[in-house]
Amino acid sequence: MLKIDMHLPANFLRIDTDPVNKQGLRIAAGIGLEDVKSRTPIATGRTHDETVLIKESDNSYIITGKTQRTRDNIARLDKGTPAHVITAVNAKVLSWTNGFQRFFSKFVFHPGTRALKYFKISDGAIKLMVQAIKKSIKIG
């Protein structure tokens, strides 16, 4: 039996199966990871690269971020953010460019981001995961 829990916090996906099917679970979890990463925005760089598969137990894997920073980014990308103020904390001012001109400010009003809702396993990948589990079961 394959169980995929997508109702965890926004930055975790858990994949479980029967303990006797370790090889099939590893293959299925890898399929799930590749499916999630295929929808992760490449422009996010580190978040894309640090979305990983972690073995939780003999019959459970988790797809999540490698670090807390990555897990936080996954949640922000997946769920979106409301409009908010960004304030300089580790420097006196913020600095950015639009390609032509450099800007400086102690704070900026960020308009927020739309939810990408990408951090889930697609129906097509779930079918492939089930096939991987079935193939790995040895009968007889």
C-alpha atoms as a PDB file:
ATOM      1  CA  MET A   1       0.000   0.000   0.000  1.00  0.00           C
ATOM      2  CA  LEU A   2       1.278   3.467  -0.959  1.00  0.00           C
ATOM      3  CA  LYS A   3       0.263   6.483   1.138  1.00  0.00           C
ATOM      4  CA  ILE A   4       1.111  10.070   0.203  1.00  0.00           C
ATOM      5  CA  ASP A   5       0.352  12.684   2.868  1.00  0.00           C
ATOM      6  CA  MET A   6       0.038  16.127   1.293  1.00  0.00           C
ATOM      7  CA  HIS A   7      -1.796  17.636   4.290  1.00  0.00           C
ATOM      8  CA  LEU A   8       1.347  18.333   6.306  1.00  0.00           C
ATOM      9  CA  PRO A   9       2.791  21.831   6.719  1.00  0.00           C
ATOM     10  CA  ALA A  10       3.363  23.583   3.389  1.00  0.00           C
ATOM     11  CA  ASN A  11       6.966  22.429   3.144  1.00  0.00           C
ATOM     12  CA  PHE A  12       6.692  18.654   3.728  1.00  0.00           C
ATOM     13  CA  LEU A  13       5.349  15.754   1.648  1.00  0.00           C
ATOM     14  CA  ARG A  14       5.427  12.295   3.285  1.00  0.00           C
ATOM     15  CA  ILE A  15       5.460   9.049   1.277  1.00  0.00           C
ATOM     16  CA  ASP A  16       4.833   5.773   3.147  1.00  0.00           C
ATOM     17  CA  THR A  17       4.425   2.127   2.191  1.00  0.00           C
ATOM     18  CA  ASP A  18       4.478  -1.313   3.785  1.00  0.00           C
ATOM     19  CA  PRO A  19       7.820  -2.112   5.477  1.00  0.00           C
ATOM     20  CA  VAL A  20       8.361  -5.136   3.196  1.00  0.00           C
ATOM     21  CA  ASN A  21       8.565  -2.934   0.111  1.00  0.00           C
ATOM     22  CA  LYS A  22      11.656  -0.787   0.795  1.00  0.00           C
ATOM     23  CA  GLN A  23      13.053  -0.890  -2.750  1.00  0.00           C
ATOM     24  CA  GLY A  24       9.735   0.083  -4.345  1.00  0.00           C
ATOM     25  CA  LEU A  25       9.287   2.872  -1.825  1.00  0.00           C
ATOM     26  CA  ARG A  26      12.719   4.346  -2.618  1.00  0.00           C
ATOM     27  CA  ILE A  27      11.963   4.311  -6.351  1.00  0.00           C
ATOM     28  CA  ALA A  28       8.469   5.764  -5.807  1.00  0.00           C
ATOM     29  CA  ALA A  29       9.800   8.498  -3.503  1.00  0.00           C
ATOM     30  CA  GLY A  30      12.410   9.423  -6.122  1.00  0.00           C
ATOM     31  CA  ILE A  31       9.652   9.747  -8.734  1.00  0.00           C
ATOM     32  CA  GLY A  32       7.734  12.025  -6.352  1.00  0.00           C
ATOM     33  CA  LEU A  33      10.804  14.189  -5.736  1.00  0.00           C
ATOM     34  CA  GLU A  34      11.509  14.607  -9.451  1.00  0.00           C
ATOM     35  CA  ASP A  35       7.862  15.507 -10.065  1.00  0.00           C
ATOM     36  CA  VAL A  36       7.931  18.229  -7.388  1.00  0.00           C
ATOM     37  CA  LYS A  37      11.295  19.574  -8.590  1.00  0.00           C
ATOM     38  CA  SER A  38      10.031  19.706 -12.187  1.00  0.00           C
ATOM     39  CA  ARG A  39       7.489  22.342 -11.090  1.00  0.00           C
ATOM     40  CA  THR A  40       9.801  24.251  -8.714  1.00  0.00           C
ATOM     41  CA  PRO A  41      10.655  27.609 -10.320  1.00  0.00           C
ATOM     42  CA  ILE A  42      14.251  27.374 -11.546  1.00  0.00           C
ATOM     43  CA  ALA A  43      14.710  31.096 -10.834  1.00  0.00           C
ATOM     44  CA  THR A  44      14.503  30.284  -7.112  1.00  0.00           C
ATOM     45  CA  GLY A  45      17.976  28.737  -7.411  1.00  0.00           C
ATOM     46  CA  ARG A  46      18.767  27.390  -3.972  1.00  0.00           C
ATOM     47  CA  THR A  47      15.150  26.407  -3.246  1.00  0.00           C
ATOM     48  CA  HIS A  48      15.054  24.334  -6.432  1.00  0.00           C
ATOM     49  CA  ASP A  49      18.456  22.758  -5.799  1.00  0.00           C
ATOM     50  CA  GLU A  50      17.859  22.094  -2.087  1.00  0.00           C
ATOM     51  CA  THR A  51      14.478  20.371  -2.375  1.00  0.00           C
ATOM     52  CA  VAL A  52      15.500  16.897  -1.203  1.00  0.00           C
ATOM     53  CA  LEU A  53      14.310  13.442  -0.257  1.00  0.00           C
ATOM     54  CA  ILE A  54      14.924  12.475   3.380  1.00  0.00           C
ATOM     55  CA  LYS A  55      14.557   8.911   4.663  1.00  0.00           C
ATOM     56  CA  GLU A  56      12.359   9.164   7.752  1.00  0.00           C
ATOM     57  CA  SER A  57      12.218   5.416   8.489  1.00  0.00           C
ATOM     58  CA  ASP A  58      12.411   2.086   6.645  1.00  0.00           C
ATOM     59  CA  ASN A  59       8.944   2.683   5.247  1.00  0.00           C
ATOM     60  CA  SER A  60       8.762   6.479   5.021  1.00  0.00           C
ATOM     61  CA  TYR A  61      10.403   9.292   3.047  1.00  0.00           C
ATOM     62  CA  ILE A  62       9.798  13.043   3.205  1.00  0.00           C
ATOM     63  CA  ILE A  63      10.204  15.552   0.379  1.00  0.00           C
ATOM     64  CA  THR A  64      11.226  18.872   1.918  1.00  0.00           C
ATOM     65  CA  GLY A  65      13.909  21.546   1.976  1.00  0.00           C
ATOM     66  CA  LYS A  66      17.465  20.715   3.002  1.00  0.00           C
ATOM     67  CA  THR A  67      17.616  23.665   5.426  1.00  0.00           C
ATOM     68  CA  GLN A  68      15.069  25.690   7.396  1.00  0.00           C
ATOM     69  CA  ARG A  69      15.661  28.599   5.018  1.00  0.00           C
ATOM     70  CA  THR A  70      14.744  26.384   2.054  1.00  0.00           C
ATOM     71  CA  ARG A  71      11.674  25.014   3.873  1.00  0.00           C
ATOM     72  CA  ASP A  72      10.549  28.593   4.562  1.00  0.00           C
ATOM     73  CA  ASN A  73      11.036  29.513   0.886  1.00  0.00           C
ATOM     74  CA  ILE A  74       9.034  26.473  -0.214  1.00  0.00           C
ATOM     75  CA  ALA A  75       6.154  27.566   2.012  1.00  0.00           C
ATOM     76  CA  ARG A  76       6.297  31.159   0.712  1.00  0.00           C
ATOM     77  CA  LEU A  77       6.396  30.074  -2.927  1.00  0.00           C
ATOM     78  CA  ASP A  78       3.654  27.493  -2.512  1.00  0.00           C
ATOM     79  CA  LYS A  79       1.235  29.547  -0.410  1.00  0.00           C
ATOM     80  CA  GLY A  80       2.173  33.074  -1.542  1.00  0.00           C
ATOM     81  CA  THR A  81       2.675  36.101   0.710  1.00  0.00           C
ATOM     82  CA  PRO A  82       0.509  39.124   1.522  1.00  0.00           C
ATOM     83  CA  ALA A  83       1.738  42.655   0.876  1.00  0.00           C
ATOM     84  CA  HIS A  84       4.342  43.589   3.488  1.00  0.00           C
ATOM     85  CA  VAL A  85       7.131  46.000   4.403  1.00  0.00           C
ATOM     86  CA  ILE A  86      10.764  44.893   4.053  1.00  0.00           C
ATOM     87  CA  THR A  87      13.088  46.763   6.417  1.00  0.00           C
ATOM     88  CA  ALA A  88      16.882  46.858   6.418  1.00  0.00           C
ATOM     89  CA  VAL A  89      18.068  44.760   9.388  1.00  0.00           C
ATOM     90  CA  ASN A  90      21.679  43.685   8.808  1.00  0.00           C
ATOM     91  CA  ALA A  91      22.623  46.893   6.957  1.00  0.00           C
ATOM     92  CA  LYS A  92      21.785  50.579   7.199  1.00  0.00           C
ATOM     93  CA  VAL A  93      19.843  50.540   3.917  1.00  0.00           C
ATOM     94  CA  LEU A  94      18.489  48.172   1.278  1.00  0.00           C
ATOM     95  CA  SER A  95      20.007  48.417  -2.197  1.00  0.00           C
ATOM     96  CA  TRP A  96      18.731  47.165  -5.555  1.00  0.00           C
ATOM     97  CA  THR A  97      18.869  48.021  -9.244  1.00  0.00           C
ATOM     98  CA  ASN A  98      16.373  48.008 -12.071  1.00  0.00           C
ATOM     99  CA  GLY A  99      19.182  47.442 -14.561  1.00  0.00           C
ATOM    100  CA  PHE A 100      19.796  51.144 -15.175  1.00  0.00           C
ATOM    101  CA  GLN A 101      19.711  52.866 -11.817  1.00  0.00           C
ATOM    102  CA  ARG A 102      20.677  51.915  -8.246  1.00  0.00           C
ATOM    103  CA  PHE A 103      18.143  52.569  -5.471  1.00  0.00           C
ATOM    104  CA  PHE A 104      18.626  52.853  -1.706  1.00  0.00           C
ATOM    105  CA  SER A 105      16.026  52.860   1.047  1.00  0.00           C
ATOM    106  CA  LYS A 106      15.632  51.936   4.720  1.00  0.00           C
ATOM    107  CA  PHE A 107      12.427  50.064   3.821  1.00  0.00           C
ATOM    108  CA  VAL A 108      10.267  49.109   0.828  1.00  0.00           C
ATOM    109  CA  PHE A 109       6.636  48.101   0.389  1.00  0.00           C
ATOM    110  CA  HIS A 110       6.576  44.640  -1.191  1.00  0.00           C
ATOM    111  CA  PRO A 111       3.322  43.901  -3.061  1.00  0.00           C
ATOM    112  CA  GLY A 112       3.352  40.244  -2.000  1.00  0.00           C
ATOM    113  CA  THR A 113       3.525  37.181  -4.216  1.00  0.00           C
ATOM    114  CA  ARG A 114       0.874  34.957  -5.715  1.00  0.00           C
ATOM    115  CA  ALA A 115       0.669  31.357  -4.544  1.00  0.00           C
ATOM    116  CA  LEU A 116       2.321  28.999  -7.051  1.00  0.00           C
ATOM    117  CA  LYS A 117       0.711  25.881  -5.487  1.00  0.00           C
ATOM    118  CA  TYR A 118       3.460  23.708  -6.942  1.00  0.00           C
ATOM    119  CA  PHE A 119       4.524  21.671  -3.916  1.00  0.00           C
ATOM    120  CA  LYS A 120       2.429  18.559  -4.493  1.00  0.00           C
ATOM    121  CA  ILE A 121       2.733  15.329  -6.404  1.00  0.00           C
ATOM    122  CA  SER A 122       0.797  15.219  -9.679  1.00  0.00           C
ATOM    123  CA  ASP A 123      -1.724  12.496 -10.534  1.00  0.00           C
ATOM    124  CA  GLY A 124       0.547  11.265 -13.334  1.00  0.00           C
ATOM    125  CA  ALA A 125       3.484  10.870 -10.956  1.00  0.00           C
ATOM    126  CA  ILE A 126       1.293   9.059  -8.425  1.00  0.00           C
ATOM    127  CA  LYS A 127       0.381   6.514 -11.118  1.00  0.00           C
ATOM    128  CA  LEU A 128       4.090   5.991 -11.861  1.00  0.00           C
ATOM    129  CA  MET A 129       4.791   5.637  -8.137  1.00  0.00           C
ATOM    130  CA  VAL A 130       2.097   2.964  -7.773  1.00  0.00           C
ATOM    131  CA  GLN A 131       3.556   1.101 -10.784  1.00  0.00           C
ATOM    132  CA  ALA A 132       7.034   1.219  -9.181  1.00  0.00           C
ATOM    133  CA  ILE A 133       5.643  -0.249  -5.940  1.00  0.00           C
ATOM    134  CA  LYS A 134       3.791  -3.003  -7.816  1.00  0.00           C
ATOM    135  CA  LYS A 135       6.880  -3.923  -9.883  1.00  0.00           C
ATOM    136  CA  SER A 136       9.027  -4.241  -6.790  1.00  0.00           C
ATOM    137  CA  ILE A 137       6.677  -6.662  -5.003  1.00  0.00           C
ATOM    138  CA  LYS A 138       8.027 -10.178  -5.341  1.00  0.00           C
ATOM    139  CA  ILE A 139       5.309 -12.819  -5.575  1.00  0.00           C
ATOM    140  CA  GLY A 140       5.993 -16.440  -4.728  1.00  0.00           C
END
